[in-house]
């Protein structure tokens, strides 16, 4: 079992960039596919991006494809979400999540059993 802590959220103007980090404590971080999800007010939790255990395969929601990049560094037990060309509609609480042994094509939040506490991203227009 891993524990997850996100950081890097904040307030940014439209068109700007942010990088979120999610650091895991515990063992066997490289056994987990990792995902980023987001929850905006009045909306359901939304898949953003996933990455395979070794970083070799990534998967993105259409709404962020070409603007966001997910990556991981297993030596640091950390997964990242580089967000560029941010839009006001990207405003949400962003959560990282871990899925033991999952394919990165698994995008259902219910498959991810371990979650961080979330970090707020606010994009002003």
N, C-alpha and C. Protein backbone atom coordinates (compact mmCIF):
# COMPACT_ATOMS: atom_id res chain seq x y z
N UNK A 1 0.84 -1.19 0.00
CA UNK A 1 0.00 0.00 0.00
C UNK A 1 0.88 1.25 0.00
N UNK A 2 0.51 2.23 -0.81
CA UNK A 2 1.24 3.49 -0.83
C UNK A 2 0.32 4.59 -0.32
N UNK A 3 0.94 5.64 0.16
CA UNK A 3 0.22 6.87 0.51
C UNK A 3 0.69 7.96 -0.44
N UNK A 4 -0.23 8.83 -0.82
CA UNK A 4 0.05 9.82 -1.86
C UNK A 4 -0.17 11.23 -1.35
N UNK A 5 0.76 12.12 -1.71
CA UNK A 5 0.64 13.53 -1.34
C UNK A 5 0.90 14.38 -2.57
N UNK A 6 -0.10 15.19 -2.95
CA UNK A 6 0.05 16.08 -4.11
C UNK A 6 0.58 17.44 -3.67
N UNK A 7 1.21 18.12 -4.62
CA UNK A 7 1.64 19.49 -4.41
C UNK A 7 1.75 20.18 -5.77
N UNK A 8 1.88 21.50 -5.73
CA UNK A 8 2.11 22.25 -6.94
C UNK A 8 0.92 23.01 -7.49
N UNK A 9 -0.24 22.87 -6.85
CA UNK A 9 -1.39 23.62 -7.32
C UNK A 9 -1.24 25.10 -7.02
N UNK A 10 -2.17 25.89 -7.56
CA UNK A 10 -2.14 27.33 -7.31
C UNK A 10 -3.03 28.07 -8.27
N UNK A 11 -2.83 29.38 -8.29
CA UNK A 11 -3.60 30.28 -9.15
C UNK A 11 -2.72 30.70 -10.32
N UNK A 12 -3.26 30.57 -11.52
CA UNK A 12 -2.50 30.93 -12.72
C UNK A 12 -3.45 31.57 -13.72
N UNK A 13 -2.92 32.43 -14.55
CA UNK A 13 -3.73 33.06 -15.59
C UNK A 13 -3.91 32.10 -16.77
N UNK A 14 -4.98 32.30 -17.48
CA UNK A 14 -5.22 31.51 -18.69
C UNK A 14 -4.02 31.61 -19.62
N UNK A 15 -3.64 30.46 -20.18
CA UNK A 15 -2.47 30.40 -21.04
C UNK A 15 -1.20 30.05 -20.31
N UNK A 16 -1.25 30.07 -18.99
CA UNK A 16 -0.08 29.77 -18.19
C UNK A 16 0.15 28.29 -17.97
N UNK A 17 1.14 27.99 -17.14
CA UNK A 17 1.54 26.60 -16.89
C UNK A 17 1.69 26.34 -15.40
N UNK A 18 1.49 25.10 -15.03
CA UNK A 18 1.75 24.62 -13.68
C UNK A 18 2.25 23.20 -13.77
N UNK A 19 3.03 22.78 -12.79
CA UNK A 19 3.42 21.39 -12.70
C UNK A 19 2.99 20.84 -11.35
N UNK A 20 2.18 19.82 -11.39
CA UNK A 20 1.76 19.13 -10.18
C UNK A 20 2.68 17.95 -9.92
N UNK A 21 2.91 17.69 -8.65
CA UNK A 21 3.70 16.53 -8.24
C UNK A 21 2.88 15.69 -7.28
N UNK A 22 3.15 14.42 -7.31
CA UNK A 22 2.50 13.49 -6.38
C UNK A 22 3.57 12.51 -5.91
N UNK A 23 3.88 12.58 -4.63
CA UNK A 23 4.92 11.73 -4.08
C UNK A 23 4.31 10.63 -3.24
N UNK A 24 4.80 9.43 -3.46
CA UNK A 24 4.27 8.26 -2.76
C UNK A 24 5.23 7.81 -1.68
N UNK A 25 4.66 7.43 -0.57
CA UNK A 25 5.43 6.76 0.47
C UNK A 25 4.93 5.33 0.54
N UNK A 26 5.79 4.47 1.04
CA UNK A 26 5.43 3.06 1.06
C UNK A 26 6.26 2.31 0.04
N UNK A 27 5.92 1.06 -0.14
CA UNK A 27 6.73 0.19 -0.96
C UNK A 27 6.12 -0.05 -2.32
N UNK A 28 6.97 -0.42 -3.25
CA UNK A 28 6.53 -0.94 -4.56
C UNK A 28 5.79 0.10 -5.40
N UNK A 29 6.26 1.33 -5.35
CA UNK A 29 5.63 2.38 -6.17
C UNK A 29 5.61 1.98 -7.63
N UNK A 30 6.65 1.34 -8.10
CA UNK A 30 6.74 0.97 -9.52
C UNK A 30 5.76 -0.13 -9.90
N UNK A 31 5.06 -0.70 -8.95
CA UNK A 31 4.05 -1.71 -9.26
C UNK A 31 2.71 -1.11 -9.62
N UNK A 32 2.60 0.20 -9.49
CA UNK A 32 1.33 0.88 -9.67
C UNK A 32 1.29 1.68 -10.97
N UNK A 33 0.21 1.54 -11.70
CA UNK A 33 -0.13 2.56 -12.68
C UNK A 33 -0.62 3.78 -11.90
N UNK A 34 -0.32 4.95 -12.40
CA UNK A 34 -0.70 6.18 -11.69
C UNK A 34 -1.59 7.03 -12.58
N UNK A 35 -2.52 7.70 -11.94
CA UNK A 35 -3.44 8.53 -12.69
C UNK A 35 -3.64 9.88 -12.03
N UNK A 36 -4.04 10.84 -12.83
CA UNK A 36 -4.50 12.14 -12.34
C UNK A 36 -5.98 12.28 -12.71
N UNK A 37 -6.75 12.72 -11.76
CA UNK A 37 -8.16 12.99 -11.95
C UNK A 37 -8.44 14.39 -11.42
N UNK A 38 -9.58 14.94 -11.80
CA UNK A 38 -9.93 16.26 -11.29
C UNK A 38 -11.41 16.35 -10.99
N UNK A 39 -11.73 17.23 -10.05
CA UNK A 39 -13.11 17.43 -9.63
C UNK A 39 -13.37 18.92 -9.58
N UNK A 40 -14.27 19.34 -10.45
CA UNK A 40 -14.66 20.75 -10.50
C UNK A 40 -16.02 20.92 -9.84
N UNK A 41 -16.31 22.11 -9.31
CA UNK A 41 -17.60 22.34 -8.65
C UNK A 41 -18.77 22.04 -9.58
N UNK A 42 -19.70 21.27 -9.08
CA UNK A 42 -20.89 20.96 -9.86
C UNK A 42 -20.69 19.91 -10.93
N UNK A 43 -19.51 19.31 -10.98
CA UNK A 43 -19.24 18.30 -12.00
C UNK A 43 -18.81 16.99 -11.34
N UNK A 44 -18.84 15.94 -12.11
CA UNK A 44 -18.36 14.66 -11.62
C UNK A 44 -16.85 14.58 -11.76
N UNK A 45 -16.26 13.68 -10.97
CA UNK A 45 -14.82 13.47 -11.05
C UNK A 45 -14.47 13.02 -12.47
N UNK A 46 -13.39 13.57 -13.00
CA UNK A 46 -13.04 13.38 -14.40
C UNK A 46 -11.62 12.84 -14.53
N UNK A 47 -11.46 11.83 -15.35
CA UNK A 47 -10.14 11.32 -15.68
C UNK A 47 -9.36 12.37 -16.45
N UNK A 48 -8.07 12.52 -16.13
CA UNK A 48 -7.20 13.48 -16.81
C UNK A 48 -6.11 12.74 -17.59
N UNK A 49 -5.33 11.92 -16.88
CA UNK A 49 -4.21 11.24 -17.53
C UNK A 49 -3.78 10.05 -16.68
N UNK A 50 -3.19 9.07 -17.34
CA UNK A 50 -2.61 7.93 -16.64
C UNK A 50 -1.24 7.61 -17.23
N UNK A 51 -0.44 6.90 -16.44
CA UNK A 51 0.88 6.49 -16.89
C UNK A 51 1.13 5.08 -16.38
N UNK A 52 1.78 4.28 -17.21
CA UNK A 52 2.08 2.90 -16.83
C UNK A 52 3.16 2.85 -15.76
N UNK A 53 3.40 1.66 -15.24
CA UNK A 53 4.32 1.49 -14.12
C UNK A 53 5.73 2.00 -14.41
N UNK A 54 6.16 1.90 -15.67
CA UNK A 54 7.52 2.32 -16.01
C UNK A 54 7.55 3.63 -16.80
N UNK A 55 6.39 4.26 -16.95
CA UNK A 55 6.35 5.54 -17.67
C UNK A 55 6.29 5.41 -19.17
N UNK A 56 6.30 4.19 -19.67
CA UNK A 56 6.38 3.99 -21.10
C UNK A 56 5.10 4.21 -21.87
N UNK A 57 3.98 4.11 -21.18
CA UNK A 57 2.67 4.27 -21.83
C UNK A 57 1.88 5.33 -21.07
N UNK A 58 1.34 6.26 -21.82
CA UNK A 58 0.51 7.30 -21.22
C UNK A 58 -0.83 7.37 -21.95
N UNK A 59 -1.80 7.92 -21.26
CA UNK A 59 -3.15 8.00 -21.81
C UNK A 59 -3.77 9.30 -21.30
N UNK A 60 -4.46 10.02 -22.19
CA UNK A 60 -4.98 11.33 -21.84
C UNK A 60 -6.45 11.48 -22.19
N UNK A 61 -7.13 12.28 -21.41
CA UNK A 61 -8.46 12.70 -21.80
C UNK A 61 -8.36 13.63 -23.00
N UNK A 62 -9.35 13.59 -23.86
CA UNK A 62 -9.31 14.44 -25.05
C UNK A 62 -9.23 15.92 -24.69
N UNK A 63 -9.81 16.28 -23.57
CA UNK A 63 -9.86 17.69 -23.17
C UNK A 63 -8.49 18.25 -22.81
N UNK A 64 -7.52 17.39 -22.53
CA UNK A 64 -6.19 17.87 -22.12
C UNK A 64 -5.09 17.43 -23.07
N UNK A 65 -5.42 16.59 -24.02
CA UNK A 65 -4.41 16.05 -24.94
C UNK A 65 -3.72 17.19 -25.68
N UNK A 66 -2.40 17.13 -25.71
CA UNK A 66 -1.61 18.16 -26.35
C UNK A 66 -1.25 19.32 -25.45
N UNK A 67 -1.90 19.40 -24.28
CA UNK A 67 -1.61 20.50 -23.34
C UNK A 67 -0.99 19.98 -22.05
N UNK A 68 -1.36 18.79 -21.63
CA UNK A 68 -0.85 18.21 -20.38
C UNK A 68 0.08 17.04 -20.70
N UNK A 69 1.06 16.86 -19.82
CA UNK A 69 1.97 15.72 -19.95
C UNK A 69 2.13 15.06 -18.58
N UNK A 70 1.88 13.76 -18.54
CA UNK A 70 2.08 12.99 -17.32
C UNK A 70 3.41 12.25 -17.45
N UNK A 71 4.13 12.18 -16.35
CA UNK A 71 5.40 11.45 -16.32
C UNK A 71 5.63 10.96 -14.90
N UNK A 72 6.63 10.10 -14.75
CA UNK A 72 6.94 9.60 -13.42
C UNK A 72 8.43 9.35 -13.31
N UNK A 73 8.91 9.43 -12.08
CA UNK A 73 10.30 9.11 -11.74
C UNK A 73 10.25 8.10 -10.60
N UNK A 74 10.44 6.85 -10.94
CA UNK A 74 10.33 5.80 -9.92
C UNK A 74 11.46 5.86 -8.90
N UNK A 75 12.57 6.52 -9.24
CA UNK A 75 13.66 6.66 -8.26
C UNK A 75 13.28 7.65 -7.17
N UNK A 76 12.30 8.52 -7.49
CA UNK A 76 11.84 9.51 -6.52
C UNK A 76 10.43 9.22 -6.03
N UNK A 77 9.86 8.11 -6.46
CA UNK A 77 8.48 7.75 -6.08
C UNK A 77 7.51 8.89 -6.38
N UNK A 78 7.68 9.51 -7.52
CA UNK A 78 6.90 10.70 -7.83
C UNK A 78 6.32 10.63 -9.23
N UNK A 79 5.08 11.08 -9.36
CA UNK A 79 4.44 11.25 -10.66
C UNK A 79 4.14 12.73 -10.84
N UNK A 80 4.25 13.19 -12.06
CA UNK A 80 4.09 14.61 -12.36
C UNK A 80 2.96 14.81 -13.38
N UNK A 81 2.40 16.01 -13.33
CA UNK A 81 1.46 16.43 -14.36
C UNK A 81 1.87 17.84 -14.77
N UNK A 82 2.49 17.95 -15.93
CA UNK A 82 2.85 19.25 -16.48
C UNK A 82 1.67 19.78 -17.27
N UNK A 83 1.16 20.93 -16.87
CA UNK A 83 -0.02 21.51 -17.49
C UNK A 83 0.36 22.81 -18.17
N UNK A 84 0.07 22.91 -19.44
CA UNK A 84 0.38 24.10 -20.21
C UNK A 84 -0.88 24.59 -20.92
N UNK A 85 -0.81 25.82 -21.41
CA UNK A 85 -1.96 26.42 -22.12
C UNK A 85 -3.24 26.24 -21.31
N UNK A 86 -3.15 26.54 -20.04
CA UNK A 86 -4.27 26.32 -19.15
C UNK A 86 -5.46 27.20 -19.50
N UNK A 87 -6.64 26.65 -19.28
CA UNK A 87 -7.89 27.33 -19.58
C UNK A 87 -8.71 27.44 -18.29
N UNK A 88 -9.61 28.40 -18.21
CA UNK A 88 -10.46 28.50 -17.00
C UNK A 88 -11.21 27.20 -16.71
N UNK A 89 -11.57 26.46 -17.73
CA UNK A 89 -12.29 25.21 -17.51
C UNK A 89 -11.41 24.10 -16.93
N UNK A 90 -10.11 24.35 -16.81
CA UNK A 90 -9.23 23.40 -16.12
C UNK A 90 -9.26 23.59 -14.60
N UNK A 91 -9.95 24.61 -14.15
CA UNK A 91 -10.05 24.86 -12.72
C UNK A 91 -10.74 23.69 -12.02
N UNK A 92 -10.07 23.14 -11.01
CA UNK A 92 -10.57 21.97 -10.31
C UNK A 92 -9.61 21.61 -9.19
N UNK A 93 -10.04 20.70 -8.35
CA UNK A 93 -9.11 20.03 -7.43
C UNK A 93 -8.56 18.81 -8.18
N UNK A 94 -7.27 18.72 -8.20
CA UNK A 94 -6.59 17.63 -8.92
C UNK A 94 -6.11 16.59 -7.91
N UNK A 95 -6.41 15.33 -8.22
CA UNK A 95 -6.04 14.22 -7.36
C UNK A 95 -5.16 13.25 -8.13
N UNK A 96 -4.14 12.75 -7.46
CA UNK A 96 -3.43 11.61 -8.03
C UNK A 96 -3.96 10.35 -7.37
N UNK A 97 -3.82 9.26 -8.10
CA UNK A 97 -4.35 7.99 -7.63
C UNK A 97 -3.49 6.85 -8.14
N UNK A 98 -3.50 5.76 -7.40
CA UNK A 98 -2.67 4.61 -7.72
C UNK A 98 -3.53 3.37 -7.95
N UNK A 99 -3.15 2.59 -8.95
CA UNK A 99 -3.87 1.37 -9.29
C UNK A 99 -2.87 0.24 -9.43
N UNK A 100 -2.93 -0.71 -8.50
CA UNK A 100 -1.96 -1.78 -8.45
C UNK A 100 -2.15 -2.73 -9.61
N UNK A 101 -1.11 -2.83 -10.43
CA UNK A 101 -1.13 -3.78 -11.53
C UNK A 101 -2.03 -3.44 -12.68
N UNK A 102 -2.54 -2.22 -12.72
CA UNK A 102 -3.49 -1.85 -13.76
C UNK A 102 -2.80 -1.44 -15.05
N UNK A 103 -3.50 -1.62 -16.14
CA UNK A 103 -3.09 -1.04 -17.41
C UNK A 103 -3.34 0.46 -17.36
N UNK A 104 -2.50 1.26 -18.00
CA UNK A 104 -2.75 2.71 -18.03
C UNK A 104 -3.98 3.09 -18.83
N UNK A 105 -4.57 2.13 -19.55
CA UNK A 105 -5.81 2.43 -20.26
C UNK A 105 -7.02 2.35 -19.35
N UNK A 106 -6.81 1.94 -18.12
CA UNK A 106 -7.90 1.92 -17.15
C UNK A 106 -8.12 3.35 -16.66
N UNK A 107 -9.27 3.91 -16.97
CA UNK A 107 -9.52 5.32 -16.63
C UNK A 107 -10.67 5.47 -15.64
N UNK A 108 -11.29 4.38 -15.27
CA UNK A 108 -12.37 4.46 -14.29
C UNK A 108 -11.81 4.75 -12.92
N UNK A 109 -12.30 5.79 -12.29
CA UNK A 109 -11.80 6.17 -10.97
C UNK A 109 -11.99 5.04 -9.96
N UNK A 110 -13.02 4.25 -10.14
CA UNK A 110 -13.30 3.18 -9.18
C UNK A 110 -12.21 2.13 -9.12
N UNK A 111 -11.40 2.04 -10.17
CA UNK A 111 -10.32 1.05 -10.20
C UNK A 111 -9.12 1.50 -9.37
N UNK A 112 -9.06 2.77 -9.06
CA UNK A 112 -7.94 3.33 -8.32
C UNK A 112 -8.29 3.35 -6.84
N UNK A 113 -7.58 2.55 -6.06
CA UNK A 113 -7.95 2.34 -4.66
C UNK A 113 -7.25 3.31 -3.71
N UNK A 114 -6.19 3.94 -4.15
CA UNK A 114 -5.43 4.82 -3.28
C UNK A 114 -5.40 6.21 -3.89
N UNK A 115 -5.76 7.22 -3.06
CA UNK A 115 -5.88 8.59 -3.52
C UNK A 115 -5.12 9.55 -2.62
N UNK A 116 -4.65 10.63 -3.22
CA UNK A 116 -4.09 11.72 -2.44
C UNK A 116 -5.18 12.63 -1.94
N UNK A 117 -4.78 13.69 -1.26
CA UNK A 117 -5.74 14.61 -0.65
C UNK A 117 -6.23 15.68 -1.61
N UNK A 118 -5.55 15.83 -2.74
CA UNK A 118 -5.95 16.79 -3.75
C UNK A 118 -5.20 18.11 -3.63
N UNK A 119 -5.07 18.78 -4.75
CA UNK A 119 -4.46 20.12 -4.78
C UNK A 119 -5.28 20.99 -5.72
N UNK A 120 -5.56 22.20 -5.27
CA UNK A 120 -6.44 23.11 -6.03
C UNK A 120 -5.66 23.79 -7.16
N UNK A 121 -6.25 23.77 -8.34
CA UNK A 121 -5.74 24.52 -9.48
C UNK A 121 -6.83 25.49 -9.91
N UNK A 122 -6.50 26.77 -9.94
CA UNK A 122 -7.46 27.79 -10.35
C UNK A 122 -6.86 28.57 -11.51
N UNK A 123 -7.59 28.62 -12.61
CA UNK A 123 -7.14 29.32 -13.81
C UNK A 123 -8.06 30.52 -14.03
N UNK A 124 -7.49 31.70 -13.96
CA UNK A 124 -8.28 32.91 -14.14
C UNK A 124 -8.28 33.34 -15.60
N UNK A 125 -9.39 33.96 -15.99
CA UNK A 125 -9.51 34.37 -17.39
C UNK A 125 -9.00 35.77 -17.59
